[in-house]
């Protein structure tokens, strides 16, 4: 929603402050012969800043002659590129606003709308950054080309020490500075919107539905599988010899004894109490020859 509200506003501020600029520079040339002086030389320039086409007349301070001079530099490409990006960004912002408000279902249909919006947002973010940097550099060159010192050096009469040249009025650069600032603000705004548009695409939703495991998770999983394979119940062939079988039976017997002790501790009844006496041995005539230990069972 912030993108829908602020993108058109900042785009308008960017190209309006650049395209509507008008600069004015005024100098005076006071010759040694006052009759040849020109105390009001106006130099005007504006968008698209083709300074090489801006000309003015200045006195030569001899023979009552004037010379026609031109400023230096052509910065129209940077200014027009910046303006073009601003205008197209403004139009796309308006179109996106209409689609978001009135055609939301068609926008989300088959995830084509978010994908196209994501590609366009990335493109405009890059274009805003490039055009803003290009325009900021060109603006610095425009200031240098129209500085009073540079303009006075173009006038041949100002090179003579007997003549006096003065700048009466300098251009105001606050408007163009504001346009460059708005350009970088637009670049940051569009770049910040990339993440929110990406969350609406099918690429992000597919990644959320099938998340990929991190490297640490894969390492821990492989370690668990390796430990499981090492602790499996498969024994090597050499362990099935006589000694191996005895050890296996012994281990099984130990496990059975432990299991029996556990089961005895868990049952709720006790075995009958017994007492041992001497055993009884009978001879051939069924007489008691000797008596061994006798077992008496006391039922509980």
C-alpha atoms as a PDB file:
ATOM      1  CA  UNK A   1       0.000   0.000   0.000  1.00  0.00           C
ATOM      2  CA  UNK A   2       2.876   2.388   0.723  1.00  0.00           C
ATOM      3  CA  UNK A   3       4.258   1.712  -2.725  1.00  0.00           C
ATOM      4  CA  UNK A   4       0.903   2.506  -4.325  1.00  0.00           C
ATOM      5  CA  UNK A   5       0.671   5.826  -2.472  1.00  0.00           C
ATOM      6  CA  UNK A   6       4.238   7.171  -2.533  1.00  0.00           C
ATOM      7  CA  UNK A   7       5.633   5.883  -5.842  1.00  0.00           C
ATOM      8  CA  UNK A   8       3.527   8.176  -8.088  1.00  0.00           C
ATOM      9  CA  UNK A   9       4.106  11.174  -5.805  1.00  0.00           C
ATOM     10  CA  UNK A  10       7.887  10.791  -5.671  1.00  0.00           C
ATOM     11  CA  UNK A  11       8.054  10.122  -9.417  1.00  0.00           C
ATOM     12  CA  UNK A  12       6.186  13.366 -10.129  1.00  0.00           C
ATOM     13  CA  UNK A  13       8.495  15.297  -7.796  1.00  0.00           C
ATOM     14  CA  UNK A  14      11.560  13.858  -9.535  1.00  0.00           C
ATOM     15  CA  UNK A  15      10.749  14.644 -13.158  1.00  0.00           C
ATOM     16  CA  UNK A  16       8.842  17.872 -12.420  1.00  0.00           C
ATOM     17  CA  UNK A  17      11.758  19.495 -10.605  1.00  0.00           C
ATOM     18  CA  UNK A  18      14.122  18.475 -13.394  1.00  0.00           C
ATOM     19  CA  UNK A  19      12.014  19.213 -16.465  1.00  0.00           C
ATOM     20  CA  UNK A  20      10.731  22.576 -15.290  1.00  0.00           C
ATOM     21  CA  UNK A  21      14.088  24.129 -14.448  1.00  0.00           C
ATOM     22  CA  UNK A  22      15.120  27.499 -15.828  1.00  0.00           C
ATOM     23  CA  UNK A  23      18.555  28.960 -15.061  1.00  0.00           C
ATOM     24  CA  UNK A  24      19.640  32.573 -15.369  1.00  0.00           C
ATOM     25  CA  UNK A  25      23.137  34.033 -15.225  1.00  0.00           C
ATOM     26  CA  UNK A  26      23.934  37.732 -15.557  1.00  0.00           C
ATOM     27  CA  UNK A  27      27.360  39.330 -15.945  1.00  0.00           C
ATOM     28  CA  UNK A  28      28.651  42.778 -16.790  1.00  0.00           C
ATOM     29  CA  UNK A  29      31.707  43.830 -18.738  1.00  0.00           C
ATOM     30  CA  UNK A  30      33.111  47.275 -17.977  1.00  0.00           C
ATOM     31  CA  UNK A  31      35.657  48.272 -20.576  1.00  0.00           C
ATOM     32  CA  UNK A  32      38.395  50.861 -20.192  1.00  0.00           C
ATOM     33  CA  UNK A  33      36.499  52.835 -22.759  1.00  0.00           C
ATOM     34  CA  UNK A  34      33.178  53.187 -20.963  1.00  0.00           C
ATOM     35  CA  UNK A  35      31.300  53.748 -24.187  1.00  0.00           C
ATOM     36  CA  UNK A  36      31.879  50.146 -25.198  1.00  0.00           C
ATOM     37  CA  UNK A  37      30.829  48.584 -21.854  1.00  0.00           C
ATOM     38  CA  UNK A  38      27.887  46.232 -21.467  1.00  0.00           C
ATOM     39  CA  UNK A  39      26.591  46.147 -17.935  1.00  0.00           C
ATOM     40  CA  UNK A  40      23.827  43.590 -18.470  1.00  0.00           C
ATOM     41  CA  UNK A  41      24.684  40.369 -20.280  1.00  0.00           C
ATOM     42  CA  UNK A  42      22.027  37.721 -19.658  1.00  0.00           C
ATOM     43  CA  UNK A  43      22.687  34.022 -20.160  1.00  0.00           C
ATOM     44  CA  UNK A  44      19.663  31.728 -19.942  1.00  0.00           C
ATOM     45  CA  UNK A  45      19.576  27.949 -20.093  1.00  0.00           C
ATOM     46  CA  UNK A  46      16.980  25.277 -19.292  1.00  0.00           C
ATOM     47  CA  UNK A  47      16.044  21.653 -19.799  1.00  0.00           C
ATOM     48  CA  UNK A  48      17.359  19.580 -21.636  1.00  0.00           C
ATOM     49  CA  UNK A  49      20.630  21.468 -20.892  1.00  0.00           C
ATOM     50  CA  UNK A  50      22.199  21.573 -24.346  1.00  0.00           C
ATOM     51  CA  UNK A  51      24.581  24.289 -23.223  1.00  0.00           C
ATOM     52  CA  UNK A  52      26.546  24.243 -26.454  1.00  0.00           C
ATOM     53  CA  UNK A  53      23.500  25.792 -28.113  1.00  0.00           C
ATOM     54  CA  UNK A  54      23.209  28.614 -25.555  1.00  0.00           C
ATOM     55  CA  UNK A  55      24.850  31.782 -26.876  1.00  0.00           C
ATOM     56  CA  UNK A  56      25.221  35.386 -25.773  1.00  0.00           C
ATOM     57  CA  UNK A  57      26.912  38.556 -26.963  1.00  0.00           C
ATOM     58  CA  UNK A  58      29.767  40.257 -25.137  1.00  0.00           C
ATOM     59  CA  UNK A  59      31.739  43.410 -26.018  1.00  0.00           C
ATOM     60  CA  UNK A  60      35.310  43.043 -27.196  1.00  0.00           C
ATOM     61  CA  UNK A  61      36.200  46.500 -25.766  1.00  0.00           C
ATOM     62  CA  UNK A  62      37.792  47.559 -29.076  1.00  0.00           C
ATOM     63  CA  UNK A  63      36.485  48.952 -32.295  1.00  0.00           C
ATOM     64  CA  UNK A  64      32.924  48.844 -30.869  1.00  0.00           C
ATOM     65  CA  UNK A  65      32.635  45.231 -31.820  1.00  0.00           C
ATOM     66  CA  UNK A  66      30.755  42.394 -30.069  1.00  0.00           C
ATOM     67  CA  UNK A  67      31.484  38.701 -30.122  1.00  0.00           C
ATOM     68  CA  UNK A  68      29.032  35.820 -29.958  1.00  0.00           C
ATOM     69  CA  UNK A  69      29.988  33.161 -27.422  1.00  0.00           C
ATOM     70  CA  UNK A  70      28.572  29.710 -26.626  1.00  0.00           C
ATOM     71  CA  UNK A  71      28.589  27.750 -23.401  1.00  0.00           C
ATOM     72  CA  UNK A  72      30.312  24.381 -23.279  1.00  0.00           C
ATOM     73  CA  UNK A  73      28.801  20.923 -22.867  1.00  0.00           C
ATOM     74  CA  UNK A  74      25.744  18.899 -23.845  1.00  0.00           C
ATOM     75  CA  UNK A  75      24.019  17.195 -20.899  1.00  0.00           C
ATOM     76  CA  UNK A  76      20.719  16.425 -22.584  1.00  0.00           C
ATOM     77  CA  UNK A  77      21.204  12.638 -22.536  1.00  0.00           C
ATOM     78  CA  UNK A  78      21.409  12.443 -18.728  1.00  0.00           C
ATOM     79  CA  UNK A  79      18.480  14.806 -18.207  1.00  0.00           C
ATOM     80  CA  UNK A  80      16.248  13.082 -20.767  1.00  0.00           C
ATOM     81  CA  UNK A  81      17.108   9.632 -19.451  1.00  0.00           C
ATOM     82  CA  UNK A  82      16.219  10.730 -15.920  1.00  0.00           C
ATOM     83  CA  UNK A  83      12.963  12.261 -17.139  1.00  0.00           C
ATOM     84  CA  UNK A  84      12.033   9.160 -19.138  1.00  0.00           C
ATOM     85  CA  UNK A  85      12.507   6.850 -16.179  1.00  0.00           C
ATOM     86  CA  UNK A  86      10.451   9.167 -13.978  1.00  0.00           C
ATOM     87  CA  UNK A  87       7.555   9.410 -16.422  1.00  0.00           C
ATOM     88  CA  UNK A  88       7.370   5.666 -17.102  1.00  0.00           C
ATOM     89  CA  UNK A  89       7.637   4.888 -13.385  1.00  0.00           C
ATOM     90  CA  UNK A  90       4.759   7.273 -12.732  1.00  0.00           C
ATOM     91  CA  UNK A  91       2.590   5.660 -15.430  1.00  0.00           C
ATOM     92  CA  UNK A  92       3.344   2.147 -14.221  1.00  0.00           C
ATOM     93  CA  UNK A  93       2.548   3.140 -10.635  1.00  0.00           C
ATOM     94  CA  UNK A  94      -0.848   4.413 -11.716  1.00  0.00           C
ATOM     95  CA  UNK A  95      -1.503   1.237 -13.706  1.00  0.00           C
ATOM     96  CA  UNK A  96      -0.457  -0.943 -10.761  1.00  0.00           C
ATOM     97  CA  UNK A  97      -2.762   1.024  -8.467  1.00  0.00           C
ATOM     98  CA  UNK A  98      -5.734   0.407 -10.737  1.00  0.00           C
ATOM     99  CA  UNK A  99      -4.932  -3.308 -10.998  1.00  0.00           C
ATOM    100  CA  UNK A 100      -4.478  -3.721  -7.240  1.00  0.00           C
ATOM    101  CA  UNK A 101      -7.787  -2.034  -6.484  1.00  0.00           C
ATOM    102  CA  UNK A 102     -10.138  -3.188  -9.246  1.00  0.00           C
ATOM    103  CA  UNK A 103      -8.561  -6.313 -10.781  1.00  0.00           C
ATOM    104  CA  UNK A 104      -7.147  -8.171  -7.800  1.00  0.00           C
ATOM    105  CA  UNK A 105      -8.514 -11.564  -8.930  1.00  0.00           C
ATOM    106  CA  UNK A 106      -7.025 -11.285 -12.396  1.00  0.00           C
ATOM    107  CA  UNK A 107      -3.770 -10.076 -10.883  1.00  0.00           C
ATOM    108  CA  UNK A 108      -3.428 -13.232  -8.762  1.00  0.00           C
ATOM    109  CA  UNK A 109      -4.678 -15.600 -11.486  1.00  0.00           C
ATOM    110  CA  UNK A 110      -2.026 -18.227 -12.337  1.00  0.00           C
ATOM    111  CA  UNK A 111       0.524 -16.099 -10.429  1.00  0.00           C
ATOM    112  CA  UNK A 112       1.380 -14.267 -13.650  1.00  0.00           C
ATOM    113  CA  UNK A 113       0.569 -10.844 -12.268  1.00  0.00           C
ATOM    114  CA  UNK A 114       2.955 -11.022  -9.280  1.00  0.00           C
ATOM    115  CA  UNK A 115       5.718 -12.464 -11.470  1.00  0.00           C
ATOM    116  CA  UNK A 116       5.427  -9.650 -14.012  1.00  0.00           C
ATOM    117  CA  UNK A 117       5.191  -7.093 -11.204  1.00  0.00           C
ATOM    118  CA  UNK A 118       8.343  -8.492  -9.615  1.00  0.00           C
ATOM    119  CA  UNK A 119      10.355  -8.280 -12.850  1.00  0.00           C
ATOM    120  CA  UNK A 120       9.150  -4.724 -13.544  1.00  0.00           C
ATOM    121  CA  UNK A 121       9.900  -3.636  -9.962  1.00  0.00           C
ATOM    122  CA  UNK A 122      13.460  -4.952 -10.172  1.00  0.00           C
ATOM    123  CA  UNK A 123      13.917  -3.240 -13.536  1.00  0.00           C
ATOM    124  CA  UNK A 124      12.674   0.137 -12.314  1.00  0.00           C
ATOM    125  CA  UNK A 125      14.810  -0.115  -9.177  1.00  0.00           C
ATOM    126  CA  UNK A 126      17.895  -0.573 -11.321  1.00  0.00           C
ATOM    127  CA  UNK A 127      16.870   2.142 -13.783  1.00  0.00           C
ATOM    128  CA  UNK A 128      16.182   4.647 -11.011  1.00  0.00           C
ATOM    129  CA  UNK A 129      19.598   3.984  -9.481  1.00  0.00           C
ATOM    130  CA  UNK A 130      21.454   4.300 -12.798  1.00  0.00           C
ATOM    131  CA  UNK A 131      19.568   7.393 -13.972  1.00  0.00           C
ATOM    132  CA  UNK A 132      19.967   9.120 -10.601  1.00  0.00           C
ATOM    133  CA  UNK A 133      23.722   8.541 -10.537  1.00  0.00           C
ATOM    134  CA  UNK A 134      24.046   9.678 -14.149  1.00  0.00           C
ATOM    135  CA  UNK A 135      21.959  12.767 -13.518  1.00  0.00           C
ATOM    136  CA  UNK A 136      23.839  13.684 -10.328  1.00  0.00           C
ATOM    137  CA  UNK A 137      27.167  13.527 -12.208  1.00  0.00           C
ATOM    138  CA  UNK A 138      25.780  15.590 -15.098  1.00  0.00           C
ATOM    139  CA  UNK A 139      24.344  18.129 -12.677  1.00  0.00           C
ATOM    140  CA  UNK A 140      27.793  18.619 -11.210  1.00  0.00           C
ATOM    141  CA  UNK A 141      29.167  19.225 -14.713  1.00  0.00           C
ATOM    142  CA  UNK A 142      26.360  21.697 -15.501  1.00  0.00           C
ATOM    143  CA  UNK A 143      27.234  23.705 -12.405  1.00  0.00           C
ATOM    144  CA  UNK A 144      30.876  23.790 -13.478  1.00  0.00           C
ATOM    145  CA  UNK A 145      30.048  24.830 -17.063  1.00  0.00           C
ATOM    146  CA  UNK A 146      27.757  27.669 -15.968  1.00  0.00           C
ATOM    147  CA  UNK A 147      29.827  28.944 -13.077  1.00  0.00           C
ATOM    148  CA  UNK A 148      30.619  32.691 -13.269  1.00  0.00           C
ATOM    149  CA  UNK A 149      34.333  32.009 -13.331  1.00  0.00           C
ATOM    150  CA  UNK A 150      34.058  29.678 -16.326  1.00  0.00           C
ATOM    151  CA  UNK A 151      31.736  32.033 -18.234  1.00  0.00           C
ATOM    152  CA  UNK A 152      33.980  35.050 -17.695  1.00  0.00           C
ATOM    153  CA  UNK A 153      36.931  33.092 -19.051  1.00  0.00           C
ATOM    154  CA  UNK A 154      35.057  32.727 -22.350  1.00  0.00           C
ATOM    155  CA  UNK A 155      34.858  36.514 -22.806  1.00  0.00           C
ATOM    156  CA  UNK A 156      38.017  37.812 -24.454  1.00  0.00           C
ATOM    157  CA  UNK A 157      37.627  41.304 -22.932  1.00  0.00           C
ATOM    158  CA  UNK A 158      37.769  39.835 -19.438  1.00  0.00           C
ATOM    159  CA  UNK A 159      41.271  38.482 -20.077  1.00  0.00           C
ATOM    160  CA  UNK A 160      42.659  41.995 -20.279  1.00  0.00           C
ATOM    161  CA  UNK A 161      43.503  43.491 -16.910  1.00  0.00           C
ATOM    162  CA  UNK A 162      42.360  46.974 -17.909  1.00  0.00           C
ATOM    163  CA  UNK A 163      38.763  45.737 -18.256  1.00  0.00           C
ATOM    164  CA  UNK A 164      36.551  44.796 -15.333  1.00  0.00           C
ATOM    165  CA  UNK A 165      34.124  41.834 -15.425  1.00  0.00           C
ATOM    166  CA  UNK A 166      31.674  41.022 -12.682  1.00  0.00           C
ATOM    167  CA  UNK A 167      28.941  38.430 -12.105  1.00  0.00           C
ATOM    168  CA  UNK A 168      25.711  40.093 -11.111  1.00  0.00           C
ATOM    169  CA  UNK A 169      23.450  37.056 -10.675  1.00  0.00           C
ATOM    170  CA  UNK A 170      24.149  33.346 -10.365  1.00  0.00           C
ATOM    171  CA  UNK A 171      21.792  30.412 -11.130  1.00  0.00           C
ATOM    172  CA  UNK A 172      19.861  28.800  -8.313  1.00  0.00           C
ATOM    173  CA  UNK A 173      20.519  25.080  -8.019  1.00  0.00           C
ATOM    174  CA  UNK A 174      18.149  24.095  -5.236  1.00  0.00           C
ATOM    175  CA  UNK A 175      15.516  22.787  -7.651  1.00  0.00           C
ATOM    176  CA  UNK A 176      17.926  20.571  -9.564  1.00  0.00           C
ATOM    177  CA  UNK A 177      19.473  19.346  -6.327  1.00  0.00           C
ATOM    178  CA  UNK A 178      16.004  18.374  -5.179  1.00  0.00           C
ATOM    179  CA  UNK A 179      15.415  16.417  -8.368  1.00  0.00           C
ATOM    180  CA  UNK A 180      18.586  14.382  -7.810  1.00  0.00           C
ATOM    181  CA  UNK A 181      17.562  13.664  -4.218  1.00  0.00           C
ATOM    182  CA  UNK A 182      14.118  12.517  -5.331  1.00  0.00           C
ATOM    183  CA  UNK A 183      15.783  10.239  -7.854  1.00  0.00           C
ATOM    184  CA  UNK A 184      17.665   8.380  -5.137  1.00  0.00           C
ATOM    185  CA  UNK A 185      14.536   8.313  -2.960  1.00  0.00           C
ATOM    186  CA  UNK A 186      12.660   6.620  -5.797  1.00  0.00           C
ATOM    187  CA  UNK A 187      15.470   4.105  -6.212  1.00  0.00           C
ATOM    188  CA  UNK A 188      15.306   3.229  -2.502  1.00  0.00           C
ATOM    189  CA  UNK A 189      11.502   3.043  -2.584  1.00  0.00           C
ATOM    190  CA  UNK A 190      11.375   0.670  -5.538  1.00  0.00           C
ATOM    191  CA  UNK A 191      14.229  -1.447  -4.192  1.00  0.00           C
ATOM    192  CA  UNK A 192      12.480  -1.772  -0.835  1.00  0.00           C
ATOM    193  CA  UNK A 193       9.318  -2.949  -2.562  1.00  0.00           C
ATOM    194  CA  UNK A 194      11.110  -5.877  -4.236  1.00  0.00           C
ATOM    195  CA  UNK A 195      10.755  -8.118  -1.175  1.00  0.00           C
ATOM    196  CA  UNK A 196       7.032  -7.481  -0.768  1.00  0.00           C
ATOM    197  CA  UNK A 197       6.348  -8.190  -4.436  1.00  0.00           C
ATOM    198  CA  UNK A 198       8.515 -11.313  -4.328  1.00  0.00           C
ATOM    199  CA  UNK A 199       6.410 -12.727  -1.473  1.00  0.00           C
ATOM    200  CA  UNK A 200       3.394 -12.719  -3.797  1.00  0.00           C
ATOM    201  CA  UNK A 201       5.107 -14.732  -6.542  1.00  0.00           C
ATOM    202  CA  UNK A 202       4.900 -18.496  -7.023  1.00  0.00           C
ATOM    203  CA  UNK A 203       8.676 -18.763  -6.569  1.00  0.00           C
ATOM    204  CA  UNK A 204       8.446 -17.711  -2.931  1.00  0.00           C
ATOM    205  CA  UNK A 205       5.353 -19.829  -2.232  1.00  0.00           C
ATOM    206  CA  UNK A 206       6.997 -22.926  -3.747  1.00  0.00           C
ATOM    207  CA  UNK A 207      10.020 -22.439  -1.534  1.00  0.00           C
ATOM    208  CA  UNK A 208       7.797 -22.164   1.539  1.00  0.00           C
ATOM    209  CA  UNK A 209       5.858 -25.318   0.619  1.00  0.00           C
ATOM    210  CA  UNK A 210       9.012 -27.376   0.065  1.00  0.00           C
ATOM    211  CA  UNK A 211      11.664 -25.896   2.310  1.00  0.00           C
ATOM    212  CA  UNK A 212      15.238 -26.911   1.656  1.00  0.00           C
ATOM    213  CA  UNK A 213      17.316 -28.355   4.454  1.00  0.00           C
ATOM    214  CA  UNK A 214      20.321 -26.432   5.589  1.00  0.00           C
ATOM    215  CA  UNK A 215      23.856 -27.826   5.479  1.00  0.00           C
ATOM    216  CA  UNK A 216      23.901 -28.480   9.251  1.00  0.00           C
ATOM    217  CA  UNK A 217      20.642 -30.440   9.045  1.00  0.00           C
ATOM    218  CA  UNK A 218      22.015 -32.556   6.201  1.00  0.00           C
ATOM    219  CA  UNK A 219      25.184 -33.281   8.175  1.00  0.00           C
ATOM    220  CA  UNK A 220      23.252 -34.284  11.285  1.00  0.00           C
ATOM    221  CA  UNK A 221      20.965 -36.538   9.217  1.00  0.00           C
ATOM    222  CA  UNK A 222      23.899 -38.314   7.583  1.00  0.00           C
ATOM    223  CA  UNK A 223      25.537 -38.749  10.984  1.00  0.00           C
ATOM    224  CA  UNK A 224      22.383 -40.349  12.400  1.00  0.00           C
ATOM    225  CA  UNK A 225      22.205 -42.730   9.453  1.00  0.00           C
ATOM    226  CA  UNK A 226      25.843 -43.695   9.891  1.00  0.00           C
ATOM    227  CA  UNK A 227      25.389 -44.348  13.600  1.00  0.00           C
ATOM    228  CA  UNK A 228      22.286 -46.422  12.889  1.00  0.00           C
ATOM    229  CA  UNK A 229      24.134 -48.548  10.337  1.00  0.00           C
ATOM    230  CA  UNK A 230      27.013 -49.136  12.752  1.00  0.00           C
ATOM    231  CA  UNK A 231      24.665 -50.203  15.555  1.00  0.00           C
ATOM    232  CA  UNK A 232      22.525 -52.562  13.413  1.00  0.00           C
ATOM    233  CA  UNK A 233      21.923 -56.192  14.446  1.00  0.00           C
ATOM    234  CA  UNK A 234      23.667 -57.682  11.407  1.00  0.00           C
ATOM    235  CA  UNK A 235      26.733 -59.676  12.585  1.00  0.00           C
ATOM    236  CA  UNK A 236      29.733 -60.601  10.451  1.00  0.00           C
ATOM    237  CA  UNK A 237      30.143 -64.152   9.176  1.00  0.00           C
ATOM    238  CA  UNK A 238      33.115 -64.924  11.489  1.00  0.00           C
ATOM    239  CA  UNK A 239      30.897 -64.402  14.548  1.00  0.00           C
ATOM    240  CA  UNK A 240      28.792 -67.480  13.716  1.00  0.00           C
ATOM    241  CA  UNK A 241      31.522 -69.992  14.713  1.00  0.00           C
ATOM    242  CA  UNK A 242      31.455 -72.024  17.951  1.00  0.00           C
ATOM    243  CA  UNK A 243      32.879 -69.248  20.048  1.00  0.00           C
ATOM    244  CA  UNK A 244      30.602 -66.754  18.377  1.00  0.00           C
ATOM    245  CA  UNK A 245      27.548 -68.889  18.996  1.00  0.00           C
ATOM    246  CA  UNK A 246      28.470 -69.381  22.666  1.00  0.00           C
ATOM    247  CA  UNK A 247      28.908 -65.666  23.144  1.00  0.00           C
ATOM    248  CA  UNK A 248      25.614 -65.035  21.371  1.00  0.00           C
ATOM    249  CA  UNK A 249      23.818 -67.639  23.535  1.00  0.00           C
ATOM    250  CA  UNK A 250      25.458 -66.234  26.634  1.00  0.00           C
ATOM    251  CA  UNK A 251      24.326 -62.759  25.747  1.00  0.00           C
ATOM    252  CA  UNK A 252      20.822 -64.041  25.046  1.00  0.00           C
ATOM    253  CA  UNK A 253      20.798 -65.881  28.388  1.00  0.00           C
ATOM    254  CA  UNK A 254      21.892 -62.746  30.205  1.00  0.00           C
ATOM    255  CA  UNK A 255      19.129 -60.823  28.505  1.00  0.00           C
ATOM    256  CA  UNK A 256      16.600 -63.530  29.479  1.00  0.00           C
ATOM    257  CA  UNK A 257      17.739 -63.421  33.114  1.00  0.00           C
ATOM    258  CA  UNK A 258      17.389 -59.658  33.212  1.00  0.00           C
ATOM    259  CA  UNK A 259      13.983 -59.897  31.576  1.00  0.00           C
ATOM    260  CA  UNK A 260      12.878 -62.525  34.124  1.00  0.00           C
ATOM    261  CA  UNK A 261      14.039 -60.376  37.028  1.00  0.00           C
ATOM    262  CA  UNK A 262      12.084 -57.446  35.610  1.00  0.00           C
ATOM    263  CA  UNK A 263       8.977 -59.583  35.134  1.00  0.00           C
ATOM    264  CA  UNK A 264       9.223 -60.912  38.675  1.00  0.00           C
ATOM    265  CA  UNK A 265       9.384 -57.391  40.032  1.00  0.00           C
ATOM    266  CA  UNK A 266       6.279 -56.411  38.041  1.00  0.00           C
ATOM    267  CA  UNK A 267       3.929 -59.342  38.922  1.00  0.00           C
ATOM    268  CA  UNK A 268       1.461 -58.853  41.730  1.00  0.00           C
ATOM    269  CA  UNK A 269       1.732 -62.385  43.224  1.00  0.00           C
ATOM    270  CA  UNK A 270       4.618 -64.349  44.814  1.00  0.00           C
ATOM    271  CA  UNK A 271       5.705 -67.948  44.352  1.00  0.00           C
ATOM    272  CA  UNK A 272       4.928 -70.527  47.078  1.00  0.00           C
ATOM    273  CA  UNK A 273       7.449 -70.677  49.863  1.00  0.00           C
ATOM    274  CA  UNK A 274       9.483 -73.861  49.935  1.00  0.00           C
ATOM    275  CA  UNK A 275      11.859 -75.447  52.405  1.00  0.00           C
ATOM    276  CA  UNK A 276      14.380 -78.143  51.624  1.00  0.00           C
ATOM    277  CA  UNK A 277      14.877 -81.301  53.748  1.00  0.00           C
ATOM    278  CA  UNK A 278      16.916 -84.479  53.248  1.00  0.00           C
ATOM    279  CA  UNK A 279      15.954 -86.709  50.303  1.00  0.00           C
ATOM    280  CA  UNK A 280      14.326 -90.078  51.011  1.00  0.00           C
ATOM    281  CA  UNK A 281      15.842 -93.220  49.366  1.00  0.00           C
ATOM    282  CA  UNK A 282      13.895 -96.553  49.282  1.00  0.00           C
ATOM    283  CA  UNK A 283      15.467 -99.970  48.985  1.00  0.00           C
ATOM    284  CA  UNK A 284      14.020-102.923  47.099  1.00  0.00           C
ATOM    285  CA  UNK A 285      11.433-103.716  49.807  1.00  0.00           C
ATOM    286  CA  UNK A 286      10.131-100.151  49.764  1.00  0.00           C
ATOM    287  CA  UNK A 287      11.729 -99.334  53.062  1.00  0.00           C
ATOM    288  CA  UNK A 288      13.385 -96.117  53.832  1.00  0.00           C
ATOM    289  CA  UNK A 289      17.105 -96.552  53.375  1.00  0.00           C
ATOM    290  CA  UNK A 290      18.171 -92.960  53.739  1.00  0.00           C
ATOM    291  CA  UNK A 291      16.426 -89.690  53.918  1.00  0.00           C
ATOM    292  CA  UNK A 292      17.592 -86.672  51.879  1.00  0.00           C
ATOM    293  CA  UNK A 293      16.306 -83.131  51.815  1.00  0.00           C
ATOM    294  CA  UNK A 294      12.530 -82.852  51.860  1.00  0.00           C
ATOM    295  CA  UNK A 295      10.595 -80.027  50.114  1.00  0.00           C
ATOM    296  CA  UNK A 296       7.658 -78.676  52.016  1.00  0.00           C
ATOM    297  CA  UNK A 297       5.336 -76.401  50.061  1.00  0.00           C
ATOM    298  CA  UNK A 298       3.371 -73.914  52.025  1.00  0.00           C
ATOM    299  CA  UNK A 299       0.524 -72.624  49.947  1.00  0.00           C
ATOM    300  CA  UNK A 300      -0.296 -68.994  50.432  1.00  0.00           C
END
